[in-house]
Amino acid sequence: MSSLNEVYAIVNPFKFERSDLHITEELKQRIIANCKANHYNSFGTYTIRNVETIDGFKYFLDDERWVMIRPSGTEPVLRVYAEAPTLDEVRKILKTTEETICA
């Protein structure tokens, strides 16, 4: 059986975190409409390279970084997930994404 370090040696280390935005239903619907209309081309200094819409809106920023925007179907919450090589960068991506979509 492989250890986690052996897996990281193959795929590189990564960190992941989720932020739950408790926003109005009106703002939530506006953000989702913007996602559907391909309104966003960057989040802060992170340029969007590709978008996948299978389960929400997953924005690929480069080979090792992404952010996903996904509305809760049961709560007045917009979930934002991010992955990057470091936790500091994950938090930066979450912050800049929130600033962009809630502006």
PDB file of N, CA and C in Angstrom:
ATOM      1  N   MET A   1       0.840  -1.183   0.000  1.00  0.00           N
ATOM      2  CA  MET A   1       0.000   0.000   0.000  1.00  0.00           C
ATOM      3  C   MET A   1       0.885   1.247   0.000  1.00  0.00           C
ATOM      4  N   SER A   2       0.506   2.264  -0.762  1.00  0.00           N
ATOM      5  CA  SER A   2       1.280   3.492  -0.865  1.00  0.00           C
ATOM      6  C   SER A   2       0.994   4.417   0.297  1.00  0.00           C
ATOM      7  N   SER A   3       2.014   5.125   0.706  1.00  0.00           N
ATOM      8  CA  SER A   3       1.813   6.142   1.733  1.00  0.00           C
ATOM      9  C   SER A   3       1.407   7.452   1.058  1.00  0.00           C
ATOM     10  N   LEU A   4       0.916   8.392   1.838  1.00  0.00           N
ATOM     11  CA  LEU A   4       0.502   9.677   1.305  1.00  0.00           C
ATOM     12  C   LEU A   4       1.680  10.399   0.651  1.00  0.00           C
ATOM     13  N   ASN A   5       2.853  10.290   1.237  1.00  0.00           N
ATOM     14  CA  ASN A   5       4.033  10.934   0.647  1.00  0.00           C
ATOM     15  C   ASN A   5       4.375  10.339  -0.716  1.00  0.00           C
ATOM     16  N   GLU A   6       4.166   9.047  -0.890  1.00  0.00           N
ATOM     17  CA  GLU A   6       4.405   8.425  -2.189  1.00  0.00           C
ATOM     18  C   GLU A   6       3.407   8.935  -3.226  1.00  0.00           C
ATOM     19  N   VAL A   7       2.176   9.141  -2.797  1.00  0.00           N
ATOM     20  CA  VAL A   7       1.161   9.696  -3.694  1.00  0.00           C
ATOM     21  C   VAL A   7       1.542  11.125  -4.077  1.00  0.00           C
ATOM     22  N   TYR A   8       1.939  11.935  -3.071  1.00  0.00           N
ATOM     23  CA  TYR A   8       2.347  13.314  -3.352  1.00  0.00           C
ATOM     24  C   TYR A   8       3.551  13.372  -4.281  1.00  0.00           C
ATOM     25  N   ALA A   9       4.433  12.394  -4.201  1.00  0.00           N
ATOM     26  CA  ALA A   9       5.593  12.358  -5.093  1.00  0.00           C
ATOM     27  C   ALA A   9       5.147  12.217  -6.551  1.00  0.00           C
ATOM     28  N   ILE A  10       4.006  11.579  -6.770  1.00  0.00           N
ATOM     29  CA  ILE A  10       3.485  11.387  -8.123  1.00  0.00           C
ATOM     30  C   ILE A  10       2.645  12.580  -8.573  1.00  0.00           C
ATOM     31  N   VAL A  11       1.746  13.044  -7.714  1.00  0.00           N
ATOM     32  CA  VAL A  11       0.786  14.076  -8.122  1.00  0.00           C
ATOM     33  C   VAL A  11       1.078  15.469  -7.578  1.00  0.00           C
ATOM     34  N   ASN A  12       2.097  15.627  -6.776  1.00  0.00           N
ATOM     35  CA  ASN A  12       2.464  16.876  -6.101  1.00  0.00           C
ATOM     36  C   ASN A  12       1.515  17.146  -4.933  1.00  0.00           C
ATOM     37  N   PRO A  13       2.025  17.739  -3.875  1.00  0.00           N
ATOM     38  CA  PRO A  13       1.174  18.040  -2.722  1.00  0.00           C
ATOM     39  C   PRO A  13       0.123  19.098  -3.076  1.00  0.00           C
ATOM     40  N   PHE A  14      -1.006  19.059  -2.395  1.00  0.00           N
ATOM     41  CA  PHE A  14      -2.037  20.056  -2.619  1.00  0.00           C
ATOM     42  C   PHE A  14      -2.814  20.262  -1.335  1.00  0.00           C
ATOM     43  N   LYS A  15      -3.448  21.408  -1.243  1.00  0.00           N
ATOM     44  CA  LYS A  15      -4.301  21.744  -0.104  1.00  0.00           C
ATOM     45  C   LYS A  15      -5.669  22.111  -0.650  1.00  0.00           C
ATOM     46  N   PHE A  16      -6.690  21.920   0.171  1.00  0.00           N
ATOM     47  CA  PHE A  16      -8.068  22.104  -0.246  1.00  0.00           C
ATOM     48  C   PHE A  16      -8.838  22.742   0.897  1.00  0.00           C
ATOM     49  N   GLU A  17      -9.747  23.650   0.586  1.00  0.00           N
ATOM     50  CA  GLU A  17     -10.583  24.253   1.609  1.00  0.00           C
ATOM     51  C   GLU A  17     -11.880  24.740   0.986  1.00  0.00           C
ATOM     52  N   ARG A  18     -12.903  24.897   1.819  1.00  0.00           N
ATOM     53  CA  ARG A  18     -14.212  25.355   1.365  1.00  0.00           C
ATOM     54  C   ARG A  18     -14.640  26.550   2.204  1.00  0.00           C
ATOM     55  N   SER A  19     -15.294  27.483   1.540  1.00  0.00           N
ATOM     56  CA  SER A  19     -15.861  28.639   2.218  1.00  0.00           C
ATOM     57  C   SER A  19     -17.354  28.664   1.923  1.00  0.00           C
ATOM     58  N   ASP A  20     -18.164  28.825   2.951  1.00  0.00           N
ATOM     59  CA  ASP A  20     -19.617  28.934   2.778  1.00  0.00           C
ATOM     60  C   ASP A  20     -20.009  30.401   2.874  1.00  0.00           C
ATOM     61  N   LEU A  21     -20.492  30.956   1.774  1.00  0.00           N
ATOM     62  CA  LEU A  21     -20.903  32.357   1.754  1.00  0.00           C
ATOM     63  C   LEU A  21     -22.389  32.446   2.081  1.00  0.00           C
ATOM     64  N   HIS A  22     -22.694  33.046   3.207  1.00  0.00           N
ATOM     65  CA  HIS A  22     -24.088  33.245   3.624  1.00  0.00           C
ATOM     66  C   HIS A  22     -24.513  34.605   3.069  1.00  0.00           C
ATOM     67  N   ILE A  23     -25.140  34.565   1.899  1.00  0.00           N
ATOM     68  CA  ILE A  23     -25.498  35.783   1.179  1.00  0.00           C
ATOM     69  C   ILE A  23     -26.992  35.754   0.878  1.00  0.00           C
ATOM     70  N   THR A  24     -27.486  36.870   0.393  1.00  0.00           N
ATOM     71  CA  THR A  24     -28.915  36.916   0.055  1.00  0.00           C
ATOM     72  C   THR A  24     -29.193  36.014  -1.145  1.00  0.00           C
ATOM     73  N   GLU A  25     -30.427  35.565  -1.239  1.00  0.00           N
ATOM     74  CA  GLU A  25     -30.829  34.745  -2.384  1.00  0.00           C
ATOM     75  C   GLU A  25     -30.665  35.532  -3.687  1.00  0.00           C
ATOM     76  N   GLU A  26     -30.936  36.829  -3.630  1.00  0.00           N
ATOM     77  CA  GLU A  26     -30.792  37.674  -4.816  1.00  0.00           C
ATOM     78  C   GLU A  26     -29.334  37.697  -5.298  1.00  0.00           C
ATOM     79  N   LEU A  27     -28.397  37.886  -4.376  1.00  0.00           N
ATOM     80  CA  LEU A  27     -26.978  37.897  -4.756  1.00  0.00           C
ATOM     81  C   LEU A  27     -26.542  36.518  -5.232  1.00  0.00           C
ATOM     82  N   LYS A  28     -27.005  35.479  -4.557  1.00  0.00           N
ATOM     83  CA  LYS A  28     -26.671  34.105  -4.968  1.00  0.00           C
ATOM     84  C   LYS A  28     -27.124  33.852  -6.406  1.00  0.00           C
ATOM     85  N   GLN A  29     -28.352  34.247  -6.744  1.00  0.00           N
ATOM     86  CA  GLN A  29     -28.878  34.043  -8.091  1.00  0.00           C
ATOM     87  C   GLN A  29     -28.125  34.888  -9.123  1.00  0.00           C
ATOM     88  N   ARG A  30     -27.719  36.105  -8.731  1.00  0.00           N
ATOM     89  CA  ARG A  30     -26.952  36.954  -9.654  1.00  0.00           C
ATOM     90  C   ARG A  30     -25.586  36.330  -9.957  1.00  0.00           C
ATOM     91  N   ILE A  31     -24.918  35.797  -8.929  1.00  0.00           N
ATOM     92  CA  ILE A  31     -23.615  35.152  -9.128  1.00  0.00           C
ATOM     93  C   ILE A  31     -23.756  33.935 -10.039  1.00  0.00           C
ATOM     94  N   ILE A  32     -24.776  33.112  -9.792  1.00  0.00           N
ATOM     95  CA  ILE A  32     -24.984  31.923 -10.622  1.00  0.00           C
ATOM     96  C   ILE A  32     -25.295  32.338 -12.070  1.00  0.00           C
ATOM     97  N   ALA A  33     -26.089  33.383 -12.254  1.00  0.00           N
ATOM     98  CA  ALA A  33     -26.369  33.877 -13.604  1.00  0.00           C
ATOM     99  C   ALA A  33     -25.082  34.345 -14.273  1.00  0.00           C
ATOM    100  N   ASN A  34     -24.221  35.013 -13.521  1.00  0.00           N
ATOM    101  CA  ASN A  34     -22.929  35.446 -14.062  1.00  0.00           C
ATOM    102  C   ASN A  34     -22.072  34.244 -14.451  1.00  0.00           C
ATOM    103  N   CYS A  35     -22.092  33.198 -13.628  1.00  0.00           N
ATOM    104  CA  CYS A  35     -21.342  31.980 -13.948  1.00  0.00           C
ATOM    105  C   CYS A  35     -21.865  31.364 -15.245  1.00  0.00           C
ATOM    106  N   LYS A  36     -23.178  31.259 -15.369  1.00  0.00           N
ATOM    107  CA  LYS A  36     -23.784  30.672 -16.571  1.00  0.00           C
ATOM    108  C   LYS A  36     -23.474  31.486 -17.820  1.00  0.00           C
ATOM    109  N   ALA A  37     -23.336  32.808 -17.665  1.00  0.00           N
ATOM    110  CA  ALA A  37     -23.072  33.699 -18.799  1.00  0.00           C
ATOM    111  C   ALA A  37     -21.576  33.853 -19.089  1.00  0.00           C
ATOM    112  N   ASN A  38     -20.748  33.070 -18.409  1.00  0.00           N
ATOM    113  CA  ASN A  38     -19.286  33.168 -18.572  1.00  0.00           C
ATOM    114  C   ASN A  38     -18.783  34.588 -18.330  1.00  0.00           C
ATOM    115  N   HIS A  39     -19.340  35.224 -17.320  1.00  0.00           N
ATOM    116  CA  HIS A  39     -19.005  36.608 -16.973  1.00  0.00           C
ATOM    117  C   HIS A  39     -17.582  36.747 -16.420  1.00  0.00           C
ATOM    118  N   TYR A  40     -17.115  35.734 -15.731  1.00  0.00           N
ATOM    119  CA  TYR A  40     -15.817  35.833 -15.051  1.00  0.00           C
ATOM    120  C   TYR A  40     -14.690  35.330 -15.953  1.00  0.00           C
ATOM    121  N   ASN A  41     -13.620  36.125 -16.052  1.00  0.00           N
ATOM    122  CA  ASN A  41     -12.429  35.666 -16.771  1.00  0.00           C
ATOM    123  C   ASN A  41     -11.207  35.617 -15.862  1.00  0.00           C
ATOM    124  N   SER A  42     -11.386  36.112 -14.634  1.00  0.00           N
ATOM    125  CA  SER A  42     -10.313  36.019 -13.637  1.00  0.00           C
ATOM    126  C   SER A  42     -10.905  36.248 -12.251  1.00  0.00           C
ATOM    127  N   PHE A  43     -10.155  35.825 -11.255  1.00  0.00           N
ATOM    128  CA  PHE A  43     -10.463  36.104  -9.851  1.00  0.00           C
ATOM    129  C   PHE A  43      -9.192  36.729  -9.288  1.00  0.00           C
ATOM    130  N   GLY A  44      -9.226  38.031  -9.098  1.00  0.00           N
ATOM    131  CA  GLY A  44      -8.011  38.722  -8.685  1.00  0.00           C
ATOM    132  C   GLY A  44      -6.945  38.553  -9.756  1.00  0.00           C
ATOM    133  N   THR A  45      -5.771  38.120  -9.356  1.00  0.00           N
ATOM    134  CA  THR A  45      -4.659  37.935 -10.305  1.00  0.00           C
ATOM    135  C   THR A  45      -4.692  36.566 -10.974  1.00  0.00           C
ATOM    136  N   TYR A  46      -5.668  35.728 -10.634  1.00  0.00           N
ATOM    137  CA  TYR A  46      -5.759  34.374 -11.188  1.00  0.00           C
ATOM    138  C   TYR A  46      -6.611  34.373 -12.454  1.00  0.00           C
ATOM    139  N   THR A  47      -6.003  34.084 -13.577  1.00  0.00           N
ATOM    140  CA  THR A  47      -6.707  34.017 -14.851  1.00  0.00           C
ATOM    141  C   THR A  47      -7.366  32.652 -15.011  1.00  0.00           C
ATOM    142  N   ILE A  48      -8.603  32.669 -15.447  1.00  0.00           N
ATOM    143  CA  ILE A  48      -9.339  31.424 -15.678  1.00  0.00           C
ATOM    144  C   ILE A  48      -8.901  30.837 -17.005  1.00  0.00           C
ATOM    145  N   ARG A  49      -8.451  29.588 -16.982  1.00  0.00           N
ATOM    146  CA  ARG A  49      -7.974  28.904 -18.186  1.00  0.00           C
ATOM    147  C   ARG A  49      -9.067  28.059 -18.839  1.00  0.00           C
ATOM    148  N   ASN A  50      -9.946  27.495 -17.992  1.00  0.00           N
ATOM    149  CA  ASN A  50     -10.963  26.583 -18.489  1.00  0.00           C
ATOM    150  C   ASN A  50     -12.079  26.494 -17.446  1.00  0.00           C
ATOM    151  N   VAL A  51     -13.275  26.149 -17.876  1.00  0.00           N
ATOM    152  CA  VAL A  51     -14.411  26.011 -16.962  1.00  0.00           C
ATOM    153  C   VAL A  51     -15.081  24.671 -17.212  1.00  0.00           C
ATOM    154  N   GLU A  52     -15.427  23.989 -16.119  1.00  0.00           N
ATOM    155  CA  GLU A  52     -16.173  22.735 -16.183  1.00  0.00           C
ATOM    156  C   GLU A  52     -17.480  22.952 -15.427  1.00  0.00           C
ATOM    157  N   THR A  53     -18.596  22.515 -16.004  1.00  0.00           N
ATOM    158  CA  THR A  53     -19.902  22.789 -15.391  1.00  0.00           C
ATOM    159  C   THR A  53     -20.676  21.522 -15.045  1.00  0.00           C
ATOM    160  N   ILE A  54     -19.977  20.481 -14.674  1.00  0.00           N
ATOM    161  CA  ILE A  54     -20.647  19.215 -14.350  1.00  0.00           C
ATOM    162  C   ILE A  54     -21.412  19.309 -13.033  1.00  0.00           C
ATOM    163  N   ASP A  55     -20.800  19.843 -12.000  1.00  0.00           N
ATOM    164  CA  ASP A  55     -21.424  19.920 -10.675  1.00  0.00           C
ATOM    165  C   ASP A  55     -21.121  21.283 -10.070  1.00  0.00           C
ATOM    166  N   GLY A  56     -21.697  22.312 -10.626  1.00  0.00           N
ATOM    167  CA  GLY A  56     -21.351  23.666 -10.240  1.00  0.00           C
ATOM    168  C   GLY A  56     -20.491  24.273 -11.338  1.00  0.00           C
ATOM    169  N   PHE A  57     -19.680  25.252 -10.970  1.00  0.00           N
ATOM    170  CA  PHE A  57     -18.814  25.928 -11.931  1.00  0.00           C
ATOM    171  C   PHE A  57     -17.385  25.831 -11.422  1.00  0.00           C
ATOM    172  N   LYS A  58     -16.613  24.941 -12.036  1.00  0.00           N
ATOM    173  CA  LYS A  58     -15.234  24.712 -11.629  1.00  0.00           C
ATOM    174  C   LYS A  58     -14.325  25.456 -12.591  1.00  0.00           C
ATOM    175  N   TYR A  59     -13.606  26.435 -12.044  1.00  0.00           N
ATOM    176  CA  TYR A  59     -12.717  27.279 -12.833  1.00  0.00           C
ATOM    177  C   TYR A  59     -11.280  26.819 -12.633  1.00  0.00           C
ATOM    178  N   PHE A  60     -10.656  26.369 -13.701  1.00  0.00           N
ATOM    179  CA  PHE A  60      -9.263  25.942 -13.652  1.00  0.00           C
ATOM    180  C   PHE A  60      -8.383  27.164 -13.871  1.00  0.00           C
ATOM    181  N   LEU A  61      -7.506  27.425 -12.908  1.00  0.00           N
ATOM    182  CA  LEU A  61      -6.664  28.607 -12.961  1.00  0.00           C
ATOM    183  C   LEU A  61      -5.315  28.294 -13.594  1.00  0.00           C
ATOM    184  N   ASP A  62      -4.797  27.118 -13.349  1.00  0.00           N
ATOM    185  CA  ASP A  62      -3.627  26.568 -14.034  1.00  0.00           C
ATOM    186  C   ASP A  62      -3.558  25.091 -13.678  1.00  0.00           C
ATOM    187  N   ASP A  63      -2.450  24.447 -13.924  1.00  0.00           N
ATOM    188  CA  ASP A  63      -2.366  23.000 -13.712  1.00  0.00           C
ATOM    189  C   ASP A  63      -2.593  22.565 -12.272  1.00  0.00           C
ATOM    190  N   GLU A  64      -2.289  23.423 -11.312  1.00  0.00           N
ATOM    191  CA  GLU A  64      -2.356  23.003  -9.910  1.00  0.00           C
ATOM    192  C   GLU A  64      -3.343  23.800  -9.067  1.00  0.00           C
ATOM    193  N   ARG A  65      -4.124  24.666  -9.689  1.00  0.00           N
ATOM    194  CA  ARG A  65      -5.029  25.519  -8.917  1.00  0.00           C
ATOM    195  C   ARG A  65      -6.398  25.567  -9.578  1.00  0.00           C
ATOM    196  N   TRP A  66      -7.437  25.491  -8.744  1.00  0.00           N
ATOM    197  CA  TRP A  66      -8.792  25.663  -9.253  1.00  0.00           C
ATOM    198  C   TRP A  66      -9.678  26.199  -8.147  1.00  0.00           C
ATOM    199  N   VAL A  67     -10.824  26.748  -8.560  1.00  0.00           N
ATOM    200  CA  VAL A  67     -11.845  27.210  -7.630  1.00  0.00           C
ATOM    201  C   VAL A  67     -13.193  26.780  -8.190  1.00  0.00           C
ATOM    202  N   MET A  68     -14.096  26.379  -7.299  1.00  0.00           N
ATOM    203  CA  MET A  68     -15.420  25.934  -7.734  1.00  0.00           C
ATOM    204  C   MET A  68     -16.490  26.715  -6.979  1.00  0.00           C
ATOM    205  N   ILE A  69     -17.487  27.156  -7.720  1.00  0.00           N
ATOM    206  CA  ILE A  69     -18.624  27.872  -7.145  1.00  0.00           C
ATOM    207  C   ILE A  69     -19.834  26.974  -7.319  1.00  0.00           C
ATOM    208  N   ARG A  70     -20.501  26.718  -6.192  1.00  0.00           N
ATOM    209  CA  ARG A  70     -21.624  25.771  -6.232  1.00  0.00           C
ATOM    210  C   ARG A  70     -22.695  26.219  -5.247  1.00  0.00           C
ATOM    211  N   PRO A  71     -23.917  26.472  -5.732  1.00  0.00           N
ATOM    212  CA  PRO A  71     -24.976  26.864  -4.812  1.00  0.00           C
ATOM    213  C   PRO A  71     -25.515  25.659  -4.046  1.00  0.00           C
ATOM    214  N   SER A  72     -25.872  25.894  -2.803  1.00  0.00           N
ATOM    215  CA  SER A  72     -26.552  24.860  -2.033  1.00  0.00           C
ATOM    216  C   SER A  72     -27.990  24.790  -2.524  1.00  0.00           C
ATOM    217  N   GLY A  73     -28.493  23.581  -2.674  1.00  0.00           N
ATOM    218  CA  GLY A  73     -29.877  23.419  -3.087  1.00  0.00           C
ATOM    219  C   GLY A  73     -30.844  23.468  -1.925  1.00  0.00           C
ATOM    220  N   THR A  74     -30.325  23.424  -0.705  1.00  0.00           N
ATOM    221  CA  THR A  74     -31.190  23.350   0.468  1.00  0.00           C
ATOM    222  C   THR A  74     -31.017  24.513   1.440  1.00  0.00           C
ATOM    223  N   GLU A  75     -29.983  25.320   1.260  1.00  0.00           N
ATOM    224  CA  GLU A  75     -29.706  26.420   2.182  1.00  0.00           C
ATOM    225  C   GLU A  75     -29.430  27.698   1.397  1.00  0.00           C
ATOM    226  N   PRO A  76     -29.594  28.878   2.031  1.00  0.00           N
ATOM    227  CA  PRO A  76     -29.248  30.137   1.365  1.00  0.00           C
ATOM    228  C   PRO A  76     -27.734  30.360   1.428  1.00  0.00           C
ATOM    229  N   VAL A  77     -26.996  29.450   0.830  1.00  0.00           N
ATOM    230  CA  VAL A  77     -25.536  29.444   0.923  1.00  0.00           C
ATOM    231  C   VAL A  77     -24.954  29.202  -0.465  1.00  0.00           C
ATOM    232  N   LEU A  78     -23.851  29.890  -0.727  1.00  0.00           N
ATOM    233  CA  LEU A  78     -23.067  29.629  -1.927  1.00  0.00           C
ATOM    234  C   LEU A  78     -21.742  29.060  -1.452  1.00  0.00           C
ATOM    235  N   ARG A  79     -21.423  27.860  -1.891  1.00  0.00           N
ATOM    236  CA  ARG A  79     -20.188  27.207  -1.468  1.00  0.00           C
ATOM    237  C   ARG A  79     -19.091  27.497  -2.491  1.00  0.00           C
ATOM    238  N   VAL A  80     -17.921  27.840  -1.981  1.00  0.00           N
ATOM    239  CA  VAL A  80     -16.772  28.102  -2.839  1.00  0.00           C
ATOM    240  C   VAL A  80     -15.644  27.202  -2.353  1.00  0.00           C
ATOM    241  N   TYR A  81     -15.152  26.362  -3.237  1.00  0.00           N
ATOM    242  CA  TYR A  81     -14.085  25.412  -2.936  1.00  0.00           C
ATOM    243  C   TYR A  81     -12.834  25.845  -3.696  1.00  0.00           C
ATOM    244  N   ALA A  82     -11.659  25.577  -3.130  1.00  0.00           N
ATOM    245  CA  ALA A  82     -10.422  25.883  -3.854  1.00  0.00           C
ATOM    246  C   ALA A  82      -9.363  24.844  -3.527  1.00  0.00           C
ATOM    247  N   GLU A  83      -8.474  24.660  -4.501  1.00  0.00           N
ATOM    248  CA  GLU A  83      -7.333  23.767  -4.327  1.00  0.00           C
ATOM    249  C   GLU A  83      -6.102  24.452  -4.908  1.00  0.00           C
ATOM    250  N   ALA A  84      -4.977  24.322  -4.186  1.00  0.00           N
ATOM    251  CA  ALA A  84      -3.698  24.896  -4.612  1.00  0.00           C
ATOM    252  C   ALA A  84      -2.583  24.159  -3.882  1.00  0.00           C
ATOM    253  N   PRO A  85      -1.335  24.417  -4.254  1.00  0.00           N
ATOM    254  CA  PRO A  85      -0.222  23.720  -3.601  1.00  0.00           C
ATOM    255  C   PRO A  85      -0.050  24.043  -2.109  1.00  0.00           C
ATOM    256  N   THR A  86      -0.468  25.248  -1.667  1.00  0.00           N
ATOM    257  CA  THR A  86      -0.316  25.608  -0.253  1.00  0.00           C
ATOM    258  C   THR A  86      -1.639  26.116   0.313  1.00  0.00           C
ATOM    259  N   LEU A  87      -1.803  25.991   1.615  1.00  0.00           N
ATOM    260  CA  LEU A  87      -3.018  26.467   2.278  1.00  0.00           C
ATOM    261  C   LEU A  87      -3.129  27.991   2.185  1.00  0.00           C
ATOM    262  N   ASP A  88      -2.000  28.701   2.280  1.00  0.00           N
ATOM    263  CA  ASP A  88      -2.028  30.161   2.141  1.00  0.00           C
ATOM    264  C   ASP A  88      -2.596  30.558   0.782  1.00  0.00           C
ATOM    265  N   GLU A  89      -2.175  29.856  -0.263  1.00  0.00           N
ATOM    266  CA  GLU A  89      -2.671  30.189  -1.595  1.00  0.00           C
ATOM    267  C   GLU A  89      -4.141  29.805  -1.753  1.00  0.00           C
ATOM    268  N   VAL A  90      -4.559  28.697  -1.170  1.00  0.00           N
ATOM    269  CA  VAL A  90      -5.975  28.321  -1.192  1.00  0.00           C
ATOM    270  C   VAL A  90      -6.807  29.452  -0.589  1.00  0.00           C
ATOM    271  N   ARG A  91      -6.372  29.959   0.538  1.00  0.00           N
ATOM    272  CA  ARG A  91      -7.120  31.031   1.206  1.00  0.00           C
ATOM    273  C   ARG A  91      -7.112  32.320   0.387  1.00  0.00           C
ATOM    274  N   LYS A  92      -6.008  32.589  -0.307  1.00  0.00           N
ATOM    275  CA  LYS A  92      -5.938  33.761  -1.185  1.00  0.00           C
ATOM    276  C   LYS A  92      -6.912  33.607  -2.347  1.00  0.00           C
ATOM    277  N   ILE A  93      -6.974  32.424  -2.930  1.00  0.00           N
ATOM    278  CA  ILE A  93      -7.909  32.170  -4.028  1.00  0.00           C
ATOM    279  C   ILE A  93      -9.350  32.340  -3.551  1.00  0.00           C
ATOM    280  N   LEU A  94      -9.678  31.785  -2.384  1.00  0.00           N
ATOM    281  CA  LEU A  94     -11.036  31.922  -1.852  1.00  0.00           C
ATOM    282  C   LEU A  94     -11.380  33.397  -1.622  1.00  0.00           C
ATOM    283  N   LYS A  95     -10.451  34.149  -1.054  1.00  0.00           N
ATOM    284  CA  LYS A  95     -10.687  35.568  -0.757  1.00  0.00           C
ATOM    285  C   LYS A  95     -10.879  36.368  -2.041  1.00  0.00           C
ATOM    286  N   THR A  96     -10.001  36.187  -3.023  1.00  0.00           N
ATOM    287  CA  THR A  96     -10.124  36.969  -4.246  1.00  0.00           C
ATOM    288  C   THR A  96     -11.364  36.570  -5.059  1.00  0.00           C
ATOM    289  N   THR A  97     -11.728  35.297  -4.986  1.00  0.00           N
ATOM    290  CA  THR A  97     -12.946  34.864  -5.666  1.00  0.00           C
ATOM    291  C   THR A  97     -14.165  35.505  -5.028  1.00  0.00           C
ATOM    292  N   GLU A  98     -14.224  35.482  -3.703  1.00  0.00           N
ATOM    293  CA  GLU A  98     -15.355  36.103  -2.995  1.00  0.00           C
ATOM    294  C   GLU A  98     -15.435  37.597  -3.307  1.00  0.00           C
ATOM    295  N   GLU A  99     -14.299  38.271  -3.298  1.00  0.00           N
ATOM    296  CA  GLU A  99     -14.296  39.717  -3.611  1.00  0.00           C
ATOM    297  C   GLU A  99     -14.805  39.962  -5.025  1.00  0.00           C
ATOM    298  N   THR A 100     -14.436  39.113  -5.962  1.00  0.00           N
ATOM    299  CA  THR A 100     -14.856  39.287  -7.357  1.00  0.00           C
ATOM    300  C   THR A 100     -16.340  39.024  -7.541  1.00  0.00           C
ATOM    301  N   ILE A 101     -16.828  37.919  -7.025  1.00  0.00           N
ATOM    302  CA  ILE A 101     -18.217  37.545  -7.297  1.00  0.00           C
ATOM    303  C   ILE A 101     -19.225  38.355  -6.480  1.00  0.00           C
ATOM    304  N   CYS A 102     -18.822  38.879  -5.319  1.00  0.00           N
ATOM    305  CA  CYS A 102     -19.750  39.632  -4.467  1.00  0.00           C
ATOM    306  C   CYS A 102     -19.697  41.129  -4.720  1.00  0.00           C
ATOM    307  N   ALA A 103     -18.863  41.558  -5.645  1.00  0.00           N
ATOM    308  CA  ALA A 103     -18.712  43.015  -5.921  1.00  0.00           C
ATOM    309  C   ALA A 103     -19.958  43.573  -6.560  1.00  0.00           C
TER     310      ALA A 103
END
